[in-house]
């Protein structure tokens, strides 16, 4: 069972995928973001189709839901929720919203262990953040 995670952004959307057993997450790619949730959902659906042609079916999609440190919604929360709803309709599979607080910071710290140049890390950050979101989901028993 493959699970895809999405770290939504208006500039870039990070994608990560699980291994077939639903145990380990890995960064997959970054697609063009958009302020339009429909356009962003279409970009992710295209990435899903491309992945499935080369590999196997994605059964579930996990989307990082932004929140402030106290858990309250941010300015982006409503946009991400609209994106997730549209993505679920277009992809025809379940979409689960997952708290993404501090995942970008965690991903950057992990990337910094191997890459000192922040410009090089920035190119990988969104997919790495999606992998952090996905690994937390899988570790919580969501992938099994």
N, C-alpha and C. Protein backbone atom coordinates (compact mmCIF):
# COMPACT_ATOMS: atom_id res chain seq x y z
N UNK A 1 0.85 -1.18 0.00
CA UNK A 1 0.00 0.00 0.00
C UNK A 1 0.88 1.24 0.00
N UNK A 2 0.79 2.03 -1.02
CA UNK A 2 1.56 3.27 -1.12
C UNK A 2 0.75 4.44 -0.59
N UNK A 3 1.42 5.33 0.12
CA UNK A 3 0.81 6.56 0.62
C UNK A 3 1.63 7.72 0.08
N UNK A 4 0.95 8.75 -0.39
CA UNK A 4 1.60 9.97 -0.88
C UNK A 4 1.35 11.07 0.13
N UNK A 5 2.38 11.85 0.43
CA UNK A 5 2.21 13.02 1.30
C UNK A 5 2.45 14.28 0.48
N UNK A 6 1.74 15.32 0.85
CA UNK A 6 1.81 16.59 0.13
C UNK A 6 2.07 17.71 1.13
N UNK A 7 3.11 18.49 0.86
CA UNK A 7 3.39 19.71 1.61
C UNK A 7 3.03 20.86 0.70
N UNK A 8 1.84 21.41 0.87
CA UNK A 8 1.29 22.44 -0.01
C UNK A 8 2.01 23.77 0.19
N UNK A 9 2.30 24.42 -0.93
CA UNK A 9 2.85 25.76 -0.89
C UNK A 9 2.42 26.51 -2.14
N UNK A 10 2.33 27.81 -2.04
CA UNK A 10 1.91 28.61 -3.19
C UNK A 10 2.99 28.66 -4.26
N UNK A 11 4.25 28.49 -3.88
CA UNK A 11 5.34 28.47 -4.86
C UNK A 11 5.73 27.06 -5.26
N UNK A 12 5.84 26.19 -4.26
CA UNK A 12 6.25 24.80 -4.50
C UNK A 12 5.39 23.87 -3.66
N UNK A 13 5.15 22.69 -4.22
CA UNK A 13 4.42 21.65 -3.49
C UNK A 13 5.35 20.45 -3.39
N UNK A 14 5.68 20.08 -2.16
CA UNK A 14 6.55 18.94 -1.94
C UNK A 14 5.75 17.66 -1.88
N UNK A 15 6.30 16.61 -2.49
CA UNK A 15 5.66 15.31 -2.50
C UNK A 15 6.61 14.27 -1.93
N UNK A 16 6.06 13.33 -1.19
CA UNK A 16 6.82 12.20 -0.66
C UNK A 16 5.96 10.97 -0.80
N UNK A 17 6.59 9.81 -0.85
CA UNK A 17 5.86 8.57 -1.03
C UNK A 17 6.40 7.52 -0.07
N UNK A 18 5.52 6.62 0.32
CA UNK A 18 5.95 5.53 1.20
C UNK A 18 6.46 4.37 0.36
N UNK A 19 7.17 3.47 1.02
CA UNK A 19 7.52 2.21 0.38
C UNK A 19 6.25 1.37 0.27
N UNK A 20 6.26 0.27 -0.48
CA UNK A 20 5.04 -0.51 -0.67
C UNK A 20 4.44 -1.06 0.63
N UNK A 21 5.26 -1.26 1.65
CA UNK A 21 4.73 -1.79 2.92
C UNK A 21 4.12 -0.71 3.80
N UNK A 22 4.26 0.55 3.41
CA UNK A 22 3.70 1.63 4.21
C UNK A 22 4.47 1.87 5.49
N UNK A 23 5.79 1.66 5.43
CA UNK A 23 6.63 1.78 6.62
C UNK A 23 7.58 2.97 6.57
N UNK A 24 8.18 3.21 5.41
CA UNK A 24 9.23 4.22 5.28
C UNK A 24 8.84 5.27 4.24
N UNK A 25 9.02 6.53 4.60
CA UNK A 25 8.75 7.65 3.69
C UNK A 25 10.03 8.10 3.03
N UNK A 26 9.90 8.55 1.77
CA UNK A 26 11.04 9.14 1.08
C UNK A 26 10.55 10.32 0.25
N UNK A 27 11.37 11.37 0.15
CA UNK A 27 10.99 12.49 -0.72
C UNK A 27 10.83 12.00 -2.15
N UNK A 28 9.85 12.53 -2.85
CA UNK A 28 9.59 12.12 -4.23
C UNK A 28 9.96 13.22 -5.21
N UNK A 29 9.30 14.37 -5.11
CA UNK A 29 9.55 15.46 -6.05
C UNK A 29 8.92 16.74 -5.54
N UNK A 30 9.14 17.78 -6.30
CA UNK A 30 8.52 19.08 -6.05
C UNK A 30 7.81 19.49 -7.32
N UNK A 31 6.55 19.92 -7.20
CA UNK A 31 5.80 20.41 -8.35
C UNK A 31 5.48 21.88 -8.13
N UNK A 32 5.14 22.56 -9.20
CA UNK A 32 4.81 23.98 -9.16
C UNK A 32 3.60 24.22 -8.28
N UNK A 33 3.72 25.13 -7.33
CA UNK A 33 2.60 25.50 -6.48
C UNK A 33 1.72 26.53 -7.16
N UNK A 34 0.67 26.93 -6.46
CA UNK A 34 -0.25 27.93 -7.00
C UNK A 34 -1.09 28.50 -5.87
N UNK A 35 -1.51 29.75 -6.05
CA UNK A 35 -2.45 30.34 -5.09
C UNK A 35 -3.86 29.79 -5.34
N UNK A 36 -4.07 29.18 -6.50
CA UNK A 36 -5.36 28.59 -6.87
C UNK A 36 -5.36 27.12 -6.44
N UNK A 37 -6.18 26.73 -5.44
CA UNK A 37 -6.20 25.35 -4.99
C UNK A 37 -6.52 24.33 -6.09
N UNK A 38 -7.34 24.72 -7.04
CA UNK A 38 -7.69 23.80 -8.14
C UNK A 38 -6.47 23.54 -9.02
N UNK A 39 -5.77 24.60 -9.39
CA UNK A 39 -4.56 24.44 -10.21
C UNK A 39 -3.51 23.60 -9.47
N UNK A 40 -3.37 23.82 -8.17
CA UNK A 40 -2.42 23.05 -7.37
C UNK A 40 -2.83 21.58 -7.33
N UNK A 41 -4.12 21.31 -7.16
CA UNK A 41 -4.60 19.93 -7.13
C UNK A 41 -4.33 19.24 -8.46
N UNK A 42 -4.53 19.93 -9.55
CA UNK A 42 -4.26 19.35 -10.87
C UNK A 42 -2.78 18.99 -11.03
N UNK A 43 -1.88 19.83 -10.52
CA UNK A 43 -0.45 19.55 -10.59
C UNK A 43 -0.11 18.29 -9.81
N UNK A 44 -0.73 18.12 -8.66
CA UNK A 44 -0.46 16.92 -7.84
C UNK A 44 -1.06 15.69 -8.50
N UNK A 45 -2.25 15.80 -9.06
CA UNK A 45 -2.86 14.66 -9.77
C UNK A 45 -1.97 14.23 -10.93
N UNK A 46 -1.41 15.18 -11.66
CA UNK A 46 -0.50 14.84 -12.76
C UNK A 46 0.72 14.09 -12.24
N UNK A 47 1.24 14.51 -11.09
CA UNK A 47 2.40 13.81 -10.49
C UNK A 47 2.01 12.40 -10.04
N UNK A 48 0.79 12.24 -9.54
CA UNK A 48 0.32 10.91 -9.14
C UNK A 48 0.23 10.00 -10.35
N UNK A 49 -0.35 10.49 -11.42
CA UNK A 49 -0.48 9.70 -12.66
C UNK A 49 0.90 9.27 -13.16
N UNK A 50 1.85 10.20 -13.18
CA UNK A 50 3.20 9.87 -13.64
C UNK A 50 3.84 8.82 -12.73
N UNK A 51 3.66 8.95 -11.43
CA UNK A 51 4.24 7.97 -10.51
C UNK A 51 3.62 6.59 -10.73
N UNK A 52 2.31 6.56 -10.85
CA UNK A 52 1.63 5.28 -11.00
C UNK A 52 1.97 4.60 -12.32
N UNK A 53 2.26 5.35 -13.35
CA UNK A 53 2.68 4.74 -14.62
C UNK A 53 4.04 4.07 -14.48
N UNK A 54 4.90 4.63 -13.64
CA UNK A 54 6.25 4.09 -13.46
C UNK A 54 6.35 3.10 -12.31
N UNK A 55 5.42 3.12 -11.40
CA UNK A 55 5.54 2.31 -10.20
C UNK A 55 4.22 1.60 -9.90
N UNK A 56 3.61 1.90 -8.76
CA UNK A 56 2.34 1.26 -8.41
C UNK A 56 1.36 2.27 -7.85
N UNK A 57 0.14 1.83 -7.64
CA UNK A 57 -0.96 2.70 -7.22
C UNK A 57 -0.72 3.31 -5.85
N UNK A 58 -1.12 4.56 -5.75
CA UNK A 58 -1.14 5.26 -4.47
C UNK A 58 -2.55 5.11 -3.92
N UNK A 59 -2.65 4.60 -2.71
CA UNK A 59 -3.96 4.31 -2.13
C UNK A 59 -4.53 5.46 -1.30
N UNK A 60 -3.64 6.20 -0.64
CA UNK A 60 -4.07 7.25 0.27
C UNK A 60 -3.17 8.46 0.09
N UNK A 61 -3.73 9.65 0.31
CA UNK A 61 -2.97 10.89 0.23
C UNK A 61 -3.06 11.59 1.59
N UNK A 62 -1.91 12.00 2.10
CA UNK A 62 -1.84 12.75 3.35
C UNK A 62 -1.40 14.16 3.00
N UNK A 63 -2.17 15.14 3.44
CA UNK A 63 -1.85 16.54 3.16
C UNK A 63 -1.53 17.23 4.48
N UNK A 64 -0.40 17.92 4.51
CA UNK A 64 -0.03 18.68 5.70
C UNK A 64 -0.96 19.86 5.89
N UNK A 65 -1.53 19.94 7.10
CA UNK A 65 -2.46 21.03 7.44
C UNK A 65 -1.72 22.02 8.32
N UNK A 66 -1.54 23.26 7.84
CA UNK A 66 -0.81 24.25 8.64
C UNK A 66 -1.61 24.69 9.86
N UNK A 67 -0.89 24.93 10.93
CA UNK A 67 -1.49 25.44 12.16
C UNK A 67 -0.44 26.23 12.92
N UNK A 68 -0.90 27.16 13.74
CA UNK A 68 0.00 27.89 14.62
C UNK A 68 0.48 26.94 15.71
N UNK A 69 1.48 27.35 16.45
CA UNK A 69 2.03 26.48 17.49
C UNK A 69 0.98 26.07 18.52
N UNK A 70 -0.02 26.93 18.75
CA UNK A 70 -1.08 26.59 19.71
C UNK A 70 -2.18 25.72 19.07
N UNK A 71 -2.02 25.38 17.80
CA UNK A 71 -2.99 24.52 17.11
C UNK A 71 -4.08 25.26 16.37
N UNK A 72 -4.15 26.56 16.53
CA UNK A 72 -5.18 27.34 15.85
C UNK A 72 -4.82 27.50 14.36
N UNK A 73 -5.82 27.76 13.52
CA UNK A 73 -5.57 27.89 12.08
C UNK A 73 -4.67 29.07 11.74
N UNK A 74 -3.96 28.94 10.63
CA UNK A 74 -3.15 30.04 10.10
C UNK A 74 -3.91 30.67 8.92
N UNK A 75 -3.29 31.64 8.28
CA UNK A 75 -3.88 32.24 7.09
C UNK A 75 -3.98 31.23 5.95
N UNK A 76 -3.14 30.22 5.94
CA UNK A 76 -3.10 29.22 4.87
C UNK A 76 -4.04 28.03 5.12
N UNK A 77 -4.49 27.83 6.33
CA UNK A 77 -5.24 26.62 6.67
C UNK A 77 -6.45 26.41 5.78
N UNK A 78 -7.26 27.43 5.60
CA UNK A 78 -8.47 27.29 4.78
C UNK A 78 -8.12 26.97 3.33
N UNK A 79 -7.08 27.58 2.80
CA UNK A 79 -6.66 27.31 1.42
C UNK A 79 -6.20 25.86 1.28
N UNK A 80 -5.45 25.37 2.26
CA UNK A 80 -4.98 23.98 2.22
C UNK A 80 -6.15 23.01 2.34
N UNK A 81 -7.11 23.32 3.18
CA UNK A 81 -8.28 22.45 3.30
C UNK A 81 -9.07 22.40 2.00
N UNK A 82 -9.21 23.54 1.31
CA UNK A 82 -9.89 23.56 0.00
C UNK A 82 -9.10 22.75 -1.02
N UNK A 83 -7.78 22.91 -1.01
CA UNK A 83 -6.90 22.13 -1.89
C UNK A 83 -7.08 20.64 -1.63
N UNK A 84 -7.07 20.24 -0.37
CA UNK A 84 -7.17 18.82 -0.01
C UNK A 84 -8.52 18.24 -0.46
N UNK A 85 -9.59 18.99 -0.28
CA UNK A 85 -10.91 18.51 -0.71
C UNK A 85 -10.95 18.35 -2.22
N UNK A 86 -10.43 19.32 -2.95
CA UNK A 86 -10.42 19.23 -4.40
C UNK A 86 -9.51 18.10 -4.87
N UNK A 87 -8.37 17.94 -4.23
CA UNK A 87 -7.45 16.86 -4.58
C UNK A 87 -8.11 15.50 -4.40
N UNK A 88 -8.82 15.32 -3.32
CA UNK A 88 -9.52 14.05 -3.08
C UNK A 88 -10.53 13.73 -4.15
N UNK A 89 -11.29 14.74 -4.57
CA UNK A 89 -12.28 14.55 -5.62
C UNK A 89 -11.60 14.20 -6.95
N UNK A 90 -10.56 14.92 -7.28
CA UNK A 90 -9.88 14.71 -8.56
C UNK A 90 -9.06 13.42 -8.59
N UNK A 91 -8.45 13.06 -7.48
CA UNK A 91 -7.61 11.86 -7.44
C UNK A 91 -8.43 10.59 -7.19
N UNK A 92 -9.63 10.75 -6.66
CA UNK A 92 -10.51 9.61 -6.44
C UNK A 92 -9.99 8.65 -5.35
N UNK A 93 -9.39 9.21 -4.33
CA UNK A 93 -8.92 8.40 -3.21
C UNK A 93 -8.95 9.23 -1.94
N UNK A 94 -8.88 8.57 -0.79
CA UNK A 94 -9.00 9.31 0.47
C UNK A 94 -7.84 10.28 0.68
N UNK A 95 -8.19 11.44 1.23
CA UNK A 95 -7.20 12.44 1.61
C UNK A 95 -7.34 12.68 3.11
N UNK A 96 -6.23 12.59 3.79
CA UNK A 96 -6.19 12.76 5.24
C UNK A 96 -5.38 14.01 5.54
N UNK A 97 -5.95 14.91 6.34
CA UNK A 97 -5.20 16.09 6.76
C UNK A 97 -4.39 15.74 8.00
N UNK A 98 -3.14 16.17 8.00
CA UNK A 98 -2.21 15.84 9.08
C UNK A 98 -1.49 17.11 9.52
N UNK A 99 -1.40 17.32 10.82
CA UNK A 99 -0.72 18.48 11.37
C UNK A 99 0.70 18.57 10.82
N UNK A 100 1.07 19.75 10.32
CA UNK A 100 2.41 19.91 9.76
C UNK A 100 3.26 20.90 10.54
N UNK A 101 2.86 21.22 11.76
CA UNK A 101 3.64 22.19 12.53
C UNK A 101 5.09 21.75 12.67
N UNK A 102 5.97 22.66 12.34
CA UNK A 102 7.43 22.52 12.48
C UNK A 102 8.07 21.48 11.55
N UNK A 103 7.31 20.92 10.61
CA UNK A 103 7.91 19.91 9.72
C UNK A 103 8.97 20.51 8.81
N UNK A 104 8.79 21.74 8.35
CA UNK A 104 9.81 22.36 7.50
C UNK A 104 11.10 22.59 8.28
N UNK A 105 10.98 22.97 9.55
CA UNK A 105 12.18 23.16 10.38
C UNK A 105 12.89 21.82 10.60
N UNK A 106 12.12 20.78 10.87
CA UNK A 106 12.70 19.45 11.06
C UNK A 106 13.38 18.97 9.77
N UNK A 107 12.71 19.17 8.64
CA UNK A 107 13.29 18.75 7.36
C UNK A 107 14.57 19.53 7.07
N UNK A 108 14.58 20.83 7.34
CA UNK A 108 15.78 21.62 7.09
C UNK A 108 16.93 21.16 7.98
N UNK A 109 16.64 20.83 9.23
CA UNK A 109 17.69 20.34 10.13
C UNK A 109 18.25 19.02 9.62
N UNK A 110 17.39 18.14 9.12
CA UNK A 110 17.86 16.86 8.58
C UNK A 110 18.71 17.08 7.33
N UNK A 111 18.27 17.96 6.46
CA UNK A 111 19.04 18.25 5.24
C UNK A 111 20.37 18.92 5.57
N UNK A 112 20.39 19.77 6.59
CA UNK A 112 21.62 20.49 6.96
C UNK A 112 22.72 19.55 7.44
N UNK A 113 22.34 18.36 7.90
CA UNK A 113 23.34 17.39 8.33
C UNK A 113 24.23 16.95 7.17
N UNK A 114 23.71 17.03 5.94
CA UNK A 114 24.45 16.56 4.77
C UNK A 114 24.75 17.65 3.75
N UNK A 115 24.10 18.81 3.91
CA UNK A 115 24.26 19.88 2.93
C UNK A 115 24.34 21.22 3.66
N UNK A 116 25.51 21.84 3.64
CA UNK A 116 25.70 23.11 4.34
C UNK A 116 25.09 24.29 3.58
N UNK A 117 25.07 24.23 2.26
CA UNK A 117 24.59 25.34 1.44
C UNK A 117 23.07 25.43 1.49
N UNK A 118 22.56 26.53 2.05
CA UNK A 118 21.11 26.67 2.20
C UNK A 118 20.40 26.72 0.86
N UNK A 119 21.06 27.22 -0.19
CA UNK A 119 20.43 27.28 -1.52
C UNK A 119 20.19 25.87 -2.05
N UNK A 120 21.11 24.98 -1.82
CA UNK A 120 20.95 23.58 -2.25
C UNK A 120 19.86 22.90 -1.41
N UNK A 121 19.83 23.22 -0.12
CA UNK A 121 18.80 22.62 0.76
C UNK A 121 17.41 23.10 0.36
N UNK A 122 17.30 24.37 -0.01
CA UNK A 122 15.99 24.95 -0.35
C UNK A 122 15.31 24.19 -1.49
N UNK A 123 16.10 23.73 -2.46
CA UNK A 123 15.55 22.99 -3.60
C UNK A 123 14.92 21.67 -3.17
N UNK A 124 15.41 21.12 -2.07
CA UNK A 124 14.94 19.81 -1.59
C UNK A 124 13.97 19.91 -0.41
N UNK A 125 13.83 21.11 0.15
CA UNK A 125 13.12 21.28 1.41
C UNK A 125 11.66 20.84 1.37
N UNK A 126 10.93 21.20 0.32
CA UNK A 126 9.49 20.91 0.29
C UNK A 126 9.22 19.41 0.23
N UNK A 127 9.98 18.69 -0.57
CA UNK A 127 9.82 17.23 -0.64
C UNK A 127 10.26 16.59 0.67
N UNK A 128 11.31 17.13 1.29
CA UNK A 128 11.77 16.59 2.58
C UNK A 128 10.72 16.85 3.67
N UNK A 129 10.08 18.01 3.64
CA UNK A 129 9.02 18.30 4.61
C UNK A 129 7.84 17.35 4.41
N UNK A 130 7.51 17.06 3.16
CA UNK A 130 6.44 16.09 2.88
C UNK A 130 6.82 14.72 3.44
N UNK A 131 8.11 14.36 3.34
CA UNK A 131 8.57 13.07 3.88
C UNK A 131 8.45 13.04 5.40
N UNK A 132 8.71 14.17 6.06
CA UNK A 132 8.54 14.23 7.52
C UNK A 132 7.07 14.06 7.88
N UNK A 133 6.19 14.75 7.18
CA UNK A 133 4.75 14.61 7.42
C UNK A 133 4.33 13.15 7.24
N UNK A 134 4.79 12.54 6.16
CA UNK A 134 4.42 11.17 5.86
C UNK A 134 4.98 10.20 6.89
N UNK A 135 6.24 10.37 7.28
CA UNK A 135 6.82 9.44 8.25
C UNK A 135 6.09 9.52 9.59
N UNK A 136 5.70 10.73 10.00
CA UNK A 136 4.92 10.86 11.24
C UNK A 136 3.58 10.15 11.11
N UNK A 137 2.95 10.27 9.96
CA UNK A 137 1.69 9.56 9.70
C UNK A 137 1.90 8.05 9.76
N UNK A 138 2.92 7.56 9.09
CA UNK A 138 3.19 6.12 9.07
C UNK A 138 3.54 5.59 10.46
N UNK A 139 4.35 6.36 11.19
CA UNK A 139 4.75 5.94 12.54
C UNK A 139 3.57 5.91 13.49
N UNK A 140 2.54 6.71 13.21
CA UNK A 140 1.34 6.73 14.03
C UNK A 140 0.38 5.61 13.69
N UNK A 141 0.78 4.71 12.80
CA UNK A 141 -0.08 3.58 12.45
C UNK A 141 -1.02 3.85 11.29
N UNK A 142 -0.92 5.04 10.69
CA UNK A 142 -1.81 5.38 9.59
C UNK A 142 -1.57 4.60 8.34
N UNK A 143 -0.34 4.11 8.13
CA UNK A 143 -0.02 3.40 6.91
C UNK A 143 -0.29 1.92 6.96
N UNK A 144 -0.70 1.41 8.12
CA UNK A 144 -0.93 -0.04 8.23
C UNK A 144 -2.32 -0.35 8.70
